[in-house]
Amino acid sequence: MLDCHHAIGVGDCVRMVHAVYESARLQTQVQMPMKTMANPLDLMIEDGHLPVRYPGKHDIRASRLRGENLGADSDNS
């Protein structure tokens, strides 16, 4: 896991994560700083390299906001 709070700035962490996606998209090693200005993850989705399994906007809080399963996380009722 990247420790983005001590050694490097948050912007540097974002650039490193983008470099990982760009490397996966191009199937090759990428050099920093990257020349790609677009978000590599968006490019992978647009190009079909990373298919969207569930279309639409995703919000991890959605089930909680609708009132579903408001019990403790370990409660499966």
Foldseek 3Di string as FASTA:
>chain_A
DDPQPPPHHPVVVQQVVQQVLVCVVVVHHADPPGPDPDRSVVVCPVVVVDDDPDDDDDDPCVCVVVVHPVDDPVDPD
